[in-house]
Structures are given as C-alpha cells and as structure tokens.
PDB file of N, CA and C in Angstrom:
ATOM      1  N   UNK A   1     125.229  99.471  97.731  1.00  0.00           N
ATOM      2  CA  UNK A   1     123.812  99.653  98.149  1.00  0.00           C
ATOM      3  C   UNK A   1     123.202 100.779  98.267  1.00  0.00           C
ATOM      4  N   UNK A   2     123.573 101.805  98.617  1.00  0.00           N
ATOM      5  CA  UNK A   2     122.715 102.730  98.837  1.00  0.00           C
ATOM      6  C   UNK A   2     122.705 103.211  97.349  1.00  0.00           C
ATOM      7  N   UNK A   3     123.274 102.868  96.395  1.00  0.00           N
ATOM      8  CA  UNK A   3     123.330 103.224  94.705  1.00  0.00           C
ATOM      9  C   UNK A   3     122.498 102.974  94.557  1.00  0.00           C
ATOM     10  N   UNK A   4     121.640 101.130  94.945  1.00  0.00           N
ATOM     11  CA  UNK A   4     120.625 100.870  93.834  1.00  0.00           C
ATOM     12  C   UNK A   4     119.269 101.610  94.995  1.00  0.00           C
ATOM     13  N   UNK A   5     119.373 101.659  96.274  1.00  0.00           N
ATOM     14  CA  UNK A   5     118.246 102.592  96.880  1.00  0.00           C
ATOM     15  C   UNK A   5     118.141 103.685  95.895  1.00  0.00           C
ATOM     16  N   UNK A   6     118.906 104.566  95.781  1.00  0.00           N
ATOM     17  CA  UNK A   6     118.904 105.679  95.178  1.00  0.00           C
ATOM     18  C   UNK A   6     118.401 105.633  93.549  1.00  0.00           C
ATOM     19  N   UNK A   7     118.784 104.516  92.679  1.00  0.00           N
ATOM     20  CA  UNK A   7     117.962 104.404  91.626  1.00  0.00           C
ATOM     21  C   UNK A   7     116.604 103.806  92.081  1.00  0.00           C
ATOM     22  N   UNK A   8     116.015 103.192  92.958  1.00  0.00           N
ATOM     23  CA  UNK A   8     114.536 102.884  93.376  1.00  0.00           C
ATOM     24  C   UNK A   8     113.777 103.958  92.967  1.00  0.00           C
ATOM     25  N   UNK A   9     114.672 104.791  93.817  1.00  0.00           N
ATOM     26  CA  UNK A   9     113.422 105.789  94.866  1.00  0.00           C
ATOM     27  C   UNK A   9     113.267 106.941  93.073  1.00  0.00           C
ATOM     28  N   UNK A  10     114.380 106.762  92.437  1.00  0.00           N
ATOM     29  CA  UNK A  10     114.295 107.774  91.010  1.00  0.00           C
ATOM     30  C   UNK A  10     113.502 107.229  90.238  1.00  0.00           C
ATOM     31  N   UNK A  11     113.206 105.567  90.025  1.00  0.00           N
ATOM     32  CA  UNK A  11     112.572 104.928  89.237  1.00  0.00           C
ATOM     33  C   UNK A  11     111.709 103.736  90.272  1.00  0.00           C
ATOM     34  N   UNK A  12     110.282 104.192  91.064  1.00  0.00           N
ATOM     35  CA  UNK A  12     109.811 103.418  91.855  1.00  0.00           C
ATOM     36  C   UNK A  12     109.146 102.418  91.034  1.00  0.00           C
ATOM     37  N   UNK A  13     108.934 101.208  91.581  1.00  0.00           N
ATOM     38  CA  UNK A  13     108.443  99.612  91.035  1.00  0.00           C
ATOM     39  C   UNK A  13     109.299  99.528  89.896  1.00  0.00           C
ATOM     40  N   UNK A  14     110.820  99.592  89.912  1.00  0.00           N
ATOM     41  CA  UNK A  14     111.379  99.345  89.165  1.00  0.00           C
ATOM     42  C   UNK A  14     112.543  98.936  89.472  1.00  0.00           C
ATOM     43  N   UNK A  15     114.070  98.167  89.288  1.00  0.00           N
ATOM     44  CA  UNK A  15     114.848  97.288  90.130  1.00  0.00           C
ATOM     45  C   UNK A  15     115.414  96.230  89.377  1.00  0.00           C
ATOM     46  N   UNK A  16     116.319  95.568  90.016  1.00  0.00           N
ATOM     47  CA  UNK A  16     116.588  94.088  89.647  1.00  0.00           C
ATOM     48  C   UNK A  16     116.094  93.018  89.971  1.00  0.00           C
ATOM     49  N   UNK A  17     115.642  93.202  91.287  1.00  0.00           N
ATOM     50  CA  UNK A  17     115.066  91.614  91.679  1.00  0.00           C
ATOM     51  C   UNK A  17     113.731  92.510  92.985  1.00  0.00           C
ATOM     52  N   UNK A  18     112.729  92.576  92.089  1.00  0.00           N
ATOM     53  CA  UNK A  18     111.792  92.972  93.184  1.00  0.00           C
ATOM     54  C   UNK A  18     110.596  91.652  93.000  1.00  0.00           C
ATOM     55  N   UNK A  19     109.925  91.136  94.532  1.00  0.00           N
ATOM     56  CA  UNK A  19     109.197  90.272  94.327  1.00  0.00           C
ATOM     57  C   UNK A  19     107.804  91.618  94.197  1.00  0.00           C
ATOM     58  N   UNK A  20     106.635  90.535  93.632  1.00  0.00           N
ATOM     59  CA  UNK A  20     105.877  91.065  93.374  1.00  0.00           C
ATOM     60  C   UNK A  20     104.671  90.465  94.159  1.00  0.00           C
ATOM     61  N   UNK A  21     104.153  91.393  94.876  1.00  0.00           N
ATOM     62  CA  UNK A  21     102.874  91.569  96.089  1.00  0.00           C
ATOM     63  C   UNK A  21     101.522  91.039  95.462  1.00  0.00           C
ATOM     64  N   UNK A  22     101.070  89.865  96.020  1.00  0.00           N
ATOM     65  CA  UNK A  22      99.917  89.328  95.539  1.00  0.00           C
ATOM     66  C   UNK A  22      99.228  89.945  95.845  1.00  0.00           C
ATOM     67  N   UNK A  23      98.933  90.876  97.193  1.00  0.00           N
ATOM     68  CA  UNK A  23      97.979  92.085  97.118  1.00  0.00           C
ATOM     69  C   UNK A  23      98.448  93.641  97.253  1.00  0.00           C
ATOM     70  N   UNK A  24      98.590  94.076  96.417  1.00  0.00           N
ATOM     71  CA  UNK A  24      99.506  94.883  96.367  1.00  0.00           C
ATOM     72  C   UNK A  24      99.074  96.706  96.715  1.00  0.00           C
ATOM     73  N   UNK A  25      97.310  96.228  96.934  1.00  0.00           N
ATOM     74  CA  UNK A  25      97.376  97.885  97.204  1.00  0.00           C
ATOM     75  C   UNK A  25      97.355  98.023  98.633  1.00  0.00           C
ATOM     76  N   UNK A  26      98.051  99.775  99.139  1.00  0.00           N
ATOM     77  CA  UNK A  26      98.908  99.651 100.067  1.00  0.00           C
ATOM     78  C   UNK A  26      97.877  99.382 101.483  1.00  0.00           C
ATOM     79  N   UNK A  27      98.475  99.480 102.399  1.00  0.00           N
ATOM     80  CA  UNK A  27      97.903  98.780 103.813  1.00  0.00           C
ATOM     81  C   UNK A  27      98.042 100.061 104.570  1.00  0.00           C
ATOM     82  N   UNK A  28      96.819 100.564 105.316  1.00  0.00           N
ATOM     83  CA  UNK A  28      97.461 101.808 106.250  1.00  0.00           C
ATOM     84  C   UNK A  28      96.790 101.272 107.538  1.00  0.00           C
ATOM     85  N   UNK A  29      97.553 102.533 108.424  1.00  0.00           N
ATOM     86  CA  UNK A  29      97.182 102.429 109.606  1.00  0.00           C
ATOM     87  C   UNK A  29      95.962 103.245 110.060  1.00  0.00           C
ATOM     88  N   UNK A  30      95.459 103.052 111.373  1.00  0.00           N
ATOM     89  CA  UNK A  30      94.509 103.704 111.862  1.00  0.00           C
ATOM     90  C   UNK A  30      94.662 105.251 111.993  1.00  0.00           C
ATOM     91  N   UNK A  31      95.683 105.909 111.782  1.00  0.00           N
ATOM     92  CA  UNK A  31      96.092 107.393 111.741  1.00  0.00           C
ATOM     93  C   UNK A  31      95.888 107.614 110.323  1.00  0.00           C
ATOM     94  N   UNK A  32      95.811 106.667 109.114  1.00  0.00           N
ATOM     95  CA  UNK A  32      95.395 107.553 108.054  1.00  0.00           C
ATOM     96  C   UNK A  32      96.843 106.850 107.128  1.00  0.00           C
ATOM     97  N   UNK A  33      98.309 106.684 107.551  1.00  0.00           N
ATOM     98  CA  UNK A  33      99.326 107.300 107.076  1.00  0.00           C
ATOM     99  C   UNK A  33     100.088 105.492 106.368  1.00  0.00           C
ATOM    100  N   UNK A  34     100.328 105.246 105.691  1.00  0.00           N
ATOM    101  CA  UNK A  34     100.741 104.051 105.283  1.00  0.00           C
ATOM    102  C   UNK A  34     101.928 103.610 106.139  1.00  0.00           C
ATOM    103  N   UNK A  35     101.525 102.005 106.396  1.00  0.00           N
ATOM    104  CA  UNK A  35     102.512 101.178 107.083  1.00  0.00           C
ATOM    105  C   UNK A  35     103.850 100.978 106.198  1.00  0.00           C
ATOM    106  N   UNK A  36     104.722 100.965 106.888  1.00  0.00           N
ATOM    107  CA  UNK A  36     106.383 100.810 106.759  1.00  0.00           C
ATOM    108  C   UNK A  36     106.245  99.558 105.834  1.00  0.00           C
ATOM    109  N   UNK A  37     107.253  99.531 104.621  1.00  0.00           N
ATOM    110  CA  UNK A  37     107.066  98.412 103.626  1.00  0.00           C
ATOM    111  C   UNK A  37     107.255  96.670 104.449  1.00  0.00           C
ATOM    112  N   UNK A  38     108.015  96.928 105.384  1.00  0.00           N
ATOM    113  CA  UNK A  38     108.028  96.017 106.065  1.00  0.00           C
ATOM    114  C   UNK A  38     106.333  94.884 106.515  1.00  0.00           C
ATOM    115  N   UNK A  39     105.838  95.602 106.863  1.00  0.00           N
ATOM    116  CA  UNK A  39     104.588  95.526 107.011  1.00  0.00           C
ATOM    117  C   UNK A  39     103.750  95.423 105.731  1.00  0.00           C
ATOM    118  N   UNK A  40     104.348  96.065 104.909  1.00  0.00           N
ATOM    119  CA  UNK A  40     103.287  95.871 103.562  1.00  0.00           C
ATOM    120  C   UNK A  40     103.944  94.768 102.848  1.00  0.00           C
ATOM    121  N   UNK A  41     104.516  94.434 103.100  1.00  0.00           N
ATOM    122  CA  UNK A  41     104.958  92.708 102.206  1.00  0.00           C
ATOM    123  C   UNK A  41     104.597  91.809 103.144  1.00  0.00           C
ATOM    124  N   UNK A  42     104.189  91.902 104.479  1.00  0.00           N
ATOM    125  CA  UNK A  42     103.539  90.334 104.713  1.00  0.00           C
ATOM    126  C   UNK A  42     102.710  89.772 104.307  1.00  0.00           C
ATOM    127  N   UNK A  43     102.084  90.100 103.315  1.00  0.00           N
ATOM    128  CA  UNK A  43     100.777  89.366 102.716  1.00  0.00           C
ATOM    129  C   UNK A  43     101.296  88.885 101.478  1.00  0.00           C
ATOM    130  N   UNK A  44     102.389  89.584 101.038  1.00  0.00           N
ATOM    131  CA  UNK A  44     103.070  89.138  99.768  1.00  0.00           C
ATOM    132  C   UNK A  44     102.898  88.160  98.787  1.00  0.00           C
ATOM    133  N   UNK A  45     102.934  86.511  99.814  1.00  0.00           N
ATOM    134  CA  UNK A  45     102.870  84.965  99.175  1.00  0.00           C
ATOM    135  C   UNK A  45     101.566  85.182  98.237  1.00  0.00           C
ATOM    136  N   UNK A  46     101.408  84.369  97.221  1.00  0.00           N
ATOM    137  CA  UNK A  46     100.398  83.871  96.344  1.00  0.00           C
ATOM    138  C   UNK A  46      99.688  82.104  97.655  1.00  0.00           C
ATOM    139  N   UNK A  47      98.931  82.345  97.667  1.00  0.00           N
ATOM    140  CA  UNK A  47      98.146  81.246  98.576  1.00  0.00           C
ATOM    141  C   UNK A  47      96.854  80.867  98.139  1.00  0.00           C
ATOM    142  N   UNK A  48      96.537  79.869  98.787  1.00  0.00           N
ATOM    143  CA  UNK A  48      95.273  79.546  98.872  1.00  0.00           C
ATOM    144  C   UNK A  48      94.483  79.559 100.109  1.00  0.00           C
ATOM    145  N   UNK A  49      95.555  79.866 100.817  1.00  0.00           N
ATOM    146  CA  UNK A  49      94.970  80.522 102.269  1.00  0.00           C
ATOM    147  C   UNK A  49      95.039  81.633 102.665  1.00  0.00           C
ATOM    148  N   UNK A  50      93.891  82.440 103.336  1.00  0.00           N
ATOM    149  CA  UNK A  50      94.000  83.686 103.759  1.00  0.00           C
ATOM    150  C   UNK A  50      95.297  84.123 104.496  1.00  0.00           C
ATOM    151  N   UNK A  51      95.349  85.378 104.272  1.00  0.00           N
ATOM    152  CA  UNK A  51      97.055  85.702 105.192  1.00  0.00           C
ATOM    153  C   UNK A  51      96.369  85.848 106.526  1.00  0.00           C
ATOM    154  N   UNK A  52      97.636  85.875 107.194  1.00  0.00           N
ATOM    155  CA  UNK A  52      97.497  85.981 108.751  1.00  0.00           C
ATOM    156  C   UNK A  52      97.438  87.525 109.195  1.00  0.00           C
ATOM    157  N   UNK A  53      96.390  88.124 109.889  1.00  0.00           N
ATOM    158  CA  UNK A  53      96.266  89.151 109.941  1.00  0.00           C
ATOM    159  C   UNK A  53      97.523  89.437 111.063  1.00  0.00           C
ATOM    160  N   UNK A  54      97.793  90.625 111.313  1.00  0.00           N
ATOM    161  CA  UNK A  54      98.756  91.005 112.502  1.00  0.00           C
ATOM    162  C   UNK A  54      97.485  92.068 114.030  1.00  0.00           C
ATOM    163  N   UNK A  55      97.301  91.164 114.290  1.00  0.00           N
ATOM    164  CA  UNK A  55      96.271  91.928 115.346  1.00  0.00           C
ATOM    165  C   UNK A  55      96.677  92.928 116.811  1.00  0.00           C
ATOM    166  N   UNK A  56      97.807  92.540 117.140  1.00  0.00           N
ATOM    167  CA  UNK A  56      98.425  93.516 117.960  1.00  0.00           C
ATOM    168  C   UNK A  56      99.691  94.208 117.523  1.00  0.00           C
ATOM    169  N   UNK A  57      99.221  94.816 116.592  1.00  0.00           N
ATOM    170  CA  UNK A  57     100.554  95.672 115.902  1.00  0.00           C
ATOM    171  C   UNK A  57     100.157  96.884 116.521  1.00  0.00           C
ATOM    172  N   UNK A  58     101.471  97.886 116.985  1.00  0.00           N
ATOM    173  CA  UNK A  58     101.377  99.114 117.481  1.00  0.00           C
ATOM    174  C   UNK A  58     101.781 100.057 116.385  1.00  0.00           C
ATOM    175  N   UNK A  59     101.306 101.367 116.674  1.00  0.00           N
ATOM    176  CA  UNK A  59     102.308 102.499 116.180  1.00  0.00           C
ATOM    177  C   UNK A  59     102.255 103.500 117.016  1.00  0.00           C
ATOM    178  N   UNK A  60     103.626 104.101 117.563  1.00  0.00           N
ATOM    179  CA  UNK A  60     103.587 104.729 118.806  1.00  0.00           C
ATOM    180  C   UNK A  60     102.683 104.949 119.542  1.00  0.00           C
ATOM    181  N   UNK A  61     102.550 103.510 120.058  1.00  0.00           N
ATOM    182  CA  UNK A  61     101.402 103.418 121.015  1.00  0.00           C
ATOM    183  C   UNK A  61      99.957 103.212 120.961  1.00  0.00           C
ATOM    184  N   UNK A  62      99.617 103.282 119.638  1.00  0.00           N
ATOM    185  CA  UNK A  62      98.130 103.479 119.270  1.00  0.00           C
ATOM    186  C   UNK A  62      98.112 102.013 118.388  1.00  0.00           C
ATOM    187  N   UNK A  63      97.231 101.145 118.591  1.00  0.00           N
ATOM    188  CA  UNK A  63      96.966  99.565 118.329  1.00  0.00           C
ATOM    189  C   UNK A  63      96.643  99.866 117.049  1.00  0.00           C
ATOM    190  N   UNK A  64      96.782  99.437 115.632  1.00  0.00           N
ATOM    191  CA  UNK A  64      96.323  99.539 114.914  1.00  0.00           C
ATOM    192  C   UNK A  64      96.806  98.092 113.346  1.00  0.00           C
ATOM    193  N   UNK A  65      95.745  97.374 114.015  1.00  0.00           N
ATOM    194  CA  UNK A  65      95.779  95.734 113.261  1.00  0.00           C
ATOM    195  C   UNK A  65      95.628  95.930 111.893  1.00  0.00           C
ATOM    196  N   UNK A  66      95.957  94.630 111.057  1.00  0.00           N
ATOM    197  CA  UNK A  66      95.891  94.769 109.737  1.00  0.00           C
ATOM    198  C   UNK A  66      95.646  93.583 110.186  1.00  0.00           C
ATOM    199  N   UNK A  67      94.755  93.442 109.310  1.00  0.00           N
ATOM    200  CA  UNK A  67      93.094  92.738 108.637  1.00  0.00           C
ATOM    201  C   UNK A  67      94.142  91.498 108.123  1.00  0.00           C
ATOM    202  N   UNK A  68      93.272  89.822 108.107  1.00  0.00           N
ATOM    203  CA  UNK A  68      93.837  89.098 107.301  1.00  0.00           C
ATOM    204  C   UNK A  68      92.701  89.202 106.294  1.00  0.00           C
ATOM    205  N   UNK A  69      93.626  88.650 105.057  1.00  0.00           N
ATOM    206  CA  UNK A  69      93.198  88.998 103.465  1.00  0.00           C
ATOM    207  C   UNK A  69      92.922  87.509 102.728  1.00  0.00           C
ATOM    208  N   UNK A  70      92.064  87.734 102.046  1.00  0.00           N
ATOM    209  CA  UNK A  70      91.919  86.285 101.467  1.00  0.00           C
ATOM    210  C   UNK A  70      93.213  86.101 100.467  1.00  0.00           C
ATOM    211  N   UNK A  71      92.965  84.586 100.699  1.00  0.00           N
ATOM    212  CA  UNK A  71      94.526  84.079  99.431  1.00  0.00           C
ATOM    213  C   UNK A  71      94.184  84.634  98.216  1.00  0.00           C
ATOM    214  N   UNK A  72      95.249  84.692  97.232  1.00  0.00           N
ATOM    215  CA  UNK A  72      95.121  85.203  95.910  1.00  0.00           C
ATOM    216  C   UNK A  72      96.393  83.858  95.684  1.00  0.00           C
ATOM    217  N   UNK A  73      95.466  82.640  94.906  1.00  0.00           N
ATOM    218  CA  UNK A  73      96.090  81.740  94.585  1.00  0.00           C
ATOM    219  C   UNK A  73      97.074  82.245  92.522  1.00  0.00           C
ATOM    220  N   UNK A  74      96.157  82.980  92.398  1.00  0.00           N
ATOM    221  CA  UNK A  74      96.165  82.833  90.854  1.00  0.00           C
ATOM    222  C   UNK A  74      97.650  84.170  90.230  1.00  0.00           C
ATOM    223  N   UNK A  75      98.822  84.320  90.212  1.00  0.00           N
ATOM    224  CA  UNK A  75      99.408  85.809  89.597  1.00  0.00           C
ATOM    225  C   UNK A  75      99.176  85.577  87.846  1.00  0.00           C
ATOM    226  N   UNK A  76      98.389  86.628  87.472  1.00  0.00           N
ATOM    227  CA  UNK A  76      98.123  87.037  85.994  1.00  0.00           C
ATOM    228  C   UNK A  76      98.829  88.002  85.568  1.00  0.00           C
ATOM    229  N   UNK A  77     100.022  88.405  84.969  1.00  0.00           N
ATOM    230  CA  UNK A  77     101.159  89.648  84.565  1.00  0.00           C
ATOM    231  C   UNK A  77      99.894  89.985  83.910  1.00  0.00           C
ATOM    232  N   UNK A  78      98.850  90.242  83.325  1.00  0.00           N
ATOM    233  CA  UNK A  78      98.428  91.112  82.717  1.00  0.00           C
ATOM    234  C   UNK A  78      97.458  92.453  83.697  1.00  0.00           C
ATOM    235  N   UNK A  79      97.592  91.784  84.987  1.00  0.00           N
ATOM    236  CA  UNK A  79      96.902  92.735  86.154  1.00  0.00           C
ATOM    237  C   UNK A  79      97.877  93.379  86.930  1.00  0.00           C
ATOM    238  N   UNK A  80      98.176  94.576  86.584  1.00  0.00           N
ATOM    239  CA  UNK A  80      98.945  95.094  87.339  1.00  0.00           C
ATOM    240  C   UNK A  80      98.866  94.888  88.789  1.00  0.00           C
ATOM    241  N   UNK A  81      99.995  95.089  89.361  1.00  0.00           N
ATOM    242  CA  UNK A  81     100.767  94.672  90.580  1.00  0.00           C
ATOM    243  C   UNK A  81     101.453  95.908  91.216  1.00  0.00           C
ATOM    244  N   UNK A  82     100.950  96.767  90.823  1.00  0.00           N
ATOM    245  CA  UNK A  82     101.599  98.321  91.471  1.00  0.00           C
ATOM    246  C   UNK A  82     100.735  99.279  92.360  1.00  0.00           C
ATOM    247  N   UNK A  83     101.003 100.493  93.426  1.00  0.00           N
ATOM    248  CA  UNK A  83     100.157 100.613  93.744  1.00  0.00           C
ATOM    249  C   UNK A  83     100.296 102.365  93.988  1.00  0.00           C
ATOM    250  N   UNK A  84     100.619 103.143  93.420  1.00  0.00           N
ATOM    251  CA  UNK A  84     101.110 104.265  93.104  1.00  0.00           C
ATOM    252  C   UNK A  84     101.063 105.106  94.862  1.00  0.00           C
ATOM    253  N   UNK A  85     100.293 105.013  95.223  1.00  0.00           N
ATOM    254  CA  UNK A  85      99.948 104.961  97.237  1.00  0.00           C
ATOM    255  C   UNK A  85     101.577 104.585  97.740  1.00  0.00           C
ATOM    256  N   UNK A  86     102.268 103.682  96.939  1.00  0.00           N
ATOM    257  CA  UNK A  86     103.374 102.924  97.874  1.00  0.00           C
ATOM    258  C   UNK A  86     104.444 102.443  96.626  1.00  0.00           C
ATOM    259  N   UNK A  87     104.977 103.630  96.188  1.00  0.00           N
ATOM    260  CA  UNK A  87     105.681 103.438  94.862  1.00  0.00           C
ATOM    261  C   UNK A  87     106.959 102.363  95.053  1.00  0.00           C
ATOM    262  N   UNK A  88     107.313 102.686  96.774  1.00  0.00           N
ATOM    263  CA  UNK A  88     108.824 101.685  96.539  1.00  0.00           C
ATOM    264  C   UNK A  88     108.384 100.654  96.930  1.00  0.00           C
ATOM    265  N   UNK A  89     107.104 100.124  97.182  1.00  0.00           N
ATOM    266  CA  UNK A  89     106.045  98.809  98.285  1.00  0.00           C
ATOM    267  C   UNK A  89     105.904  98.134  96.994  1.00  0.00           C
ATOM    268  N   UNK A  90     105.722  98.376  95.609  1.00  0.00           N
ATOM    269  CA  UNK A  90     104.869  97.756  94.533  1.00  0.00           C
ATOM    270  C   UNK A  90     106.146  97.397  93.534  1.00  0.00           C
ATOM    271  N   UNK A  91     105.674  96.561  92.792  1.00  0.00           N
ATOM    272  CA  UNK A  91     106.159  96.470  91.253  1.00  0.00           C
ATOM    273  C   UNK A  91     105.801  96.696  89.671  1.00  0.00           C
ATOM    274  N   UNK A  92     106.568  97.044  88.886  1.00  0.00           N
ATOM    275  CA  UNK A  92     105.828  97.229  87.821  1.00  0.00           C
ATOM    276  C   UNK A  92     106.422  96.146  87.068  1.00  0.00           C
ATOM    277  N   UNK A  93     105.648  95.266  86.412  1.00  0.00           N
ATOM    278  CA  UNK A  93     106.383  94.237  85.472  1.00  0.00           C
ATOM    279  C   UNK A  93     105.893  94.153  84.360  1.00  0.00           C
ATOM    280  N   UNK A  94     106.134  93.453  83.249  1.00  0.00           N
ATOM    281  CA  UNK A  94     105.637  93.102  82.115  1.00  0.00           C
ATOM    282  C   UNK A  94     104.942  92.465  81.765  1.00  0.00           C
ATOM    283  N   UNK A  95     104.268  92.774  81.139  1.00  0.00           N
ATOM    284  CA  UNK A  95     102.582  91.646  80.386  1.00  0.00           C
ATOM    285  C   UNK A  95     103.180  90.827  79.474  1.00  0.00           C
ATOM    286  N   UNK A  96     103.517  89.418  79.897  1.00  0.00           N
ATOM    287  CA  UNK A  96     103.922  88.402  78.835  1.00  0.00           C
ATOM    288  C   UNK A  96     102.944  87.325  78.660  1.00  0.00           C
ATOM    289  N   UNK A  97     101.578  87.580  79.392  1.00  0.00           N
ATOM    290  CA  UNK A  97     100.747  86.636  79.390  1.00  0.00           C
ATOM    291  C   UNK A  97     100.789  85.469  80.122  1.00  0.00           C
ATOM    292  N   UNK A  98     101.486  85.467  81.314  1.00  0.00           N
ATOM    293  CA  UNK A  98     101.505  84.722  81.854  1.00  0.00           C
ATOM    294  C   UNK A  98     100.831  84.073  83.189  1.00  0.00           C
ATOM    295  N   UNK A  99     100.187  82.610  83.566  1.00  0.00           N
ATOM    296  CA  UNK A  99      99.506  82.770  84.453  1.00  0.00           C
ATOM    297  C   UNK A  99     100.246  81.560  85.404  1.00  0.00           C
ATOM    298  N   UNK A 100     100.188  82.078  86.759  1.00  0.00           N
ATOM    299  CA  UNK A 100     101.033  80.735  87.632  1.00  0.00           C
ATOM    300  C   UNK A 100      99.794  80.665  88.519  1.00  0.00           C
ATOM    301  N   UNK A 101      99.281  79.510  88.713  1.00  0.00           N
ATOM    302  CA  UNK A 101      98.582  79.099  89.709  1.00  0.00           C
ATOM    303  C   UNK A 101      98.950  77.876  90.705  1.00  0.00           C
ATOM    304  N   UNK A 102      98.859  78.922  92.355  1.00  0.00           N
ATOM    305  CA  UNK A 102      98.830  77.629  93.218  1.00  0.00           C
ATOM    306  C   UNK A 102      97.997  76.628  93.492  1.00  0.00           C
ATOM    307  N   UNK A 103      98.127  75.170  93.079  1.00  0.00           N
ATOM    308  CA  UNK A 103      97.157  73.918  92.912  1.00  0.00           C
ATOM    309  C   UNK A 103      96.738  73.256  94.129  1.00  0.00           C
ATOM    310  N   UNK A 104      98.250  73.567  95.145  1.00  0.00           N
ATOM    311  CA  UNK A 104      98.342  72.680  96.425  1.00  0.00           C
ATOM    312  C   UNK A 104      99.454  73.367  97.129  1.00  0.00           C
ATOM    313  N   UNK A 105      99.060  72.960  98.453  1.00  0.00           N
ATOM    314  CA  UNK A 105     100.083  73.730  99.656  1.00  0.00           C
ATOM    315  C   UNK A 105     100.362  72.410 100.619  1.00  0.00           C
ATOM    316  N   UNK A 106     101.819  72.826 100.749  1.00  0.00           N
ATOM    317  CA  UNK A 106     101.638  71.295 101.938  1.00  0.00           C
ATOM    318  C   UNK A 106     101.423  71.615 103.253  1.00  0.00           C
ATOM    319  N   UNK A 107     101.481  73.378 103.691  1.00  0.00           N
ATOM    320  CA  UNK A 107     100.680  73.497 105.428  1.00  0.00           C
ATOM    321  C   UNK A 107      99.559  74.399 105.126  1.00  0.00           C
ATOM    322  N   UNK A 108      98.756  73.859 105.371  1.00  0.00           N
ATOM    323  CA  UNK A 108      97.817  74.298 105.351  1.00  0.00           C
ATOM    324  C   UNK A 108      96.850  74.286 107.241  1.00  0.00           C
ATOM    325  N   UNK A 109      97.620  75.116 107.760  1.00  0.00           N
ATOM    326  CA  UNK A 109      97.066  75.157 109.935  1.00  0.00           C
ATOM    327  C   UNK A 109      98.096  73.844 109.586  1.00  0.00           C
ATOM    328  N   UNK A 110      97.443  72.478 109.210  1.00  0.00           N
ATOM    329  CA  UNK A 110      98.420  70.944 109.721  1.00  0.00           C
ATOM    330  C   UNK A 110      99.163  70.785 108.379  1.00  0.00           C
ATOM    331  N   UNK A 111     100.037  69.749 108.579  1.00  0.00           N
ATOM    332  CA  UNK A 111     100.741  69.523 107.476  1.00  0.00           C
ATOM    333  C   UNK A 111      99.835  68.306 106.824  1.00  0.00           C
ATOM    334  N   UNK A 112     100.096  68.565 105.598  1.00  0.00           N
ATOM    335  CA  UNK A 112      99.570  67.246 104.685  1.00  0.00           C
ATOM    336  C   UNK A 112     100.380  66.388 104.168  1.00  0.00           C
ATOM    337  N   UNK A 113     100.559  65.358 104.563  1.00  0.00           N
ATOM    338  CA  UNK A 113     101.200  64.247 104.303  1.00  0.00           C
ATOM    339  C   UNK A 113     101.447  64.283 102.794  1.00  0.00           C
ATOM    340  N   UNK A 114      99.929  64.156 102.367  1.00  0.00           N
ATOM    341  CA  UNK A 114      99.368  63.725 100.800  1.00  0.00           C
ATOM    342  C   UNK A 114     100.228  64.702  99.807  1.00  0.00           C
ATOM    343  N   UNK A 115     100.602  66.192 100.506  1.00  0.00           N
ATOM    344  CA  UNK A 115     100.922  67.169  99.588  1.00  0.00           C
ATOM    345  C   UNK A 115     102.124  68.028 100.022  1.00  0.00           C
ATOM    346  N   UNK A 116     103.461  67.164  99.884  1.00  0.00           N
ATOM    347  CA  UNK A 116     104.635  67.936 100.821  1.00  0.00           C
ATOM    348  C   UNK A 116     104.978  68.941 100.306  1.00  0.00           C
ATOM    349  N   UNK A 117     104.948  69.230  99.322  1.00  0.00           N
ATOM    350  CA  UNK A 117     105.357  70.484  98.489  1.00  0.00           C
ATOM    351  C   UNK A 117     104.120  71.607  97.955  1.00  0.00           C
ATOM    352  N   UNK A 118     104.719  72.482  97.773  1.00  0.00           N
ATOM    353  CA  UNK A 118     103.446  73.840  96.784  1.00  0.00           C
ATOM    354  C   UNK A 118     103.660  73.334  95.214  1.00  0.00           C
ATOM    355  N   UNK A 119     102.060  72.932  94.878  1.00  0.00           N
ATOM    356  CA  UNK A 119     102.393  72.740  93.435  1.00  0.00           C
ATOM    357  C   UNK A 119     101.923  74.011  93.131  1.00  0.00           C
ATOM    358  N   UNK A 120     102.772  74.285  91.710  1.00  0.00           N
ATOM    359  CA  UNK A 120     102.211  75.514  90.899  1.00  0.00           C
ATOM    360  C   UNK A 120     101.960  75.332  89.388  1.00  0.00           C
ATOM    361  N   UNK A 121     100.705  75.844  88.450  1.00  0.00           N
ATOM    362  CA  UNK A 121     101.153  75.487  87.336  1.00  0.00           C
ATOM    363  C   UNK A 121     100.979  76.987  86.411  1.00  0.00           C
ATOM    364  N   UNK A 122     101.987  76.783  85.697  1.00  0.00           N
ATOM    365  CA  UNK A 122     102.428  77.815  84.534  1.00  0.00           C
ATOM    366  C   UNK A 122     102.246  77.504  83.762  1.00  0.00           C
ATOM    367  N   UNK A 123     101.623  78.890  83.001  1.00  0.00           N
ATOM    368  CA  UNK A 123     100.176  78.547  81.915  1.00  0.00           C
ATOM    369  C   UNK A 123     100.219  80.044  80.611  1.00  0.00           C
ATOM    370  N   UNK A 124      99.899  79.922  79.787  1.00  0.00           N
ATOM    371  CA  UNK A 124      99.713  80.984  79.154  1.00  0.00           C
ATOM    372  C   UNK A 124      98.162  81.770  79.366  1.00  0.00           C
ATOM    373  N   UNK A 125      98.164  82.572  79.280  1.00  0.00           N
ATOM    374  CA  UNK A 125      96.785  83.774  79.276  1.00  0.00           C
ATOM    375  C   UNK A 125      96.100  83.236  78.431  1.00  0.00           C
ATOM    376  N   UNK A 126      94.827  83.303  77.979  1.00  0.00           N
ATOM    377  CA  UNK A 126      93.857  83.263  77.538  1.00  0.00           C
ATOM    378  C   UNK A 126      92.864  84.325  76.458  1.00  0.00           C
TER     379      UNK A 126
END
C-alpha cells in the first residue's frame, strides 16, 4: 500500500483505480488552505440533485463551511476532471469521446417507487 502511495505522489492524477470527481475544482477552507481529500471528495458523485453542503465543519476550531453545489448529471470525458491545485485529489483520464448521463435517480429526498434504480445513458460524444 505504501508503494502505491509513493507512485501516486510521483505521478499525480494517475493510478490504478481513481474515482472521477463531478466537481473537480479544489475546495478551500476559510483560512485559504485546501481541505483534505476526504472533504474534497464529498461532492464527487454525478447526480441530478445538488450536493449537500457541510455547514457545520470546523478546522482547528474555526467554522469553515463547505457550500452545496449544483448537481452534475453528465460525465463528458472530453472535459478535464483534474485540478492542479489538488493533484492527489483529482484524475487525468483519457479522452475517448464518451458521455454518461444520469437520467433518473431513486432517492431525491423521498424515495421514488416509480424509479427504484439510478438510470444512466452511455453514448458517444458528438
């Protein structure tokens, strides 16, 4: 495991199995420093719904809320999902001309019995 960490640090944005963040722009605390990657990844999911903010999070006793962000329902691999400001928390992926679109979600605050599964569409980019 330690070897994998060293390899990732030498080659930021690359690795064996790296999740792609729907909101790749780095999140900053009120003191101007980057949030750790555990916080950076809270909004990673591609979704129709806005993300939940983290209103009551503190760093060293100082309130530093993370805002809710708009949902991102389309993954387009022609768009870079990498932020050099946080190289170990984002991914450089190949451009294969792939779109993945979230069509419906099962849980939008209240369970939707008509849509018990997330439905996606995979298509080529035009």
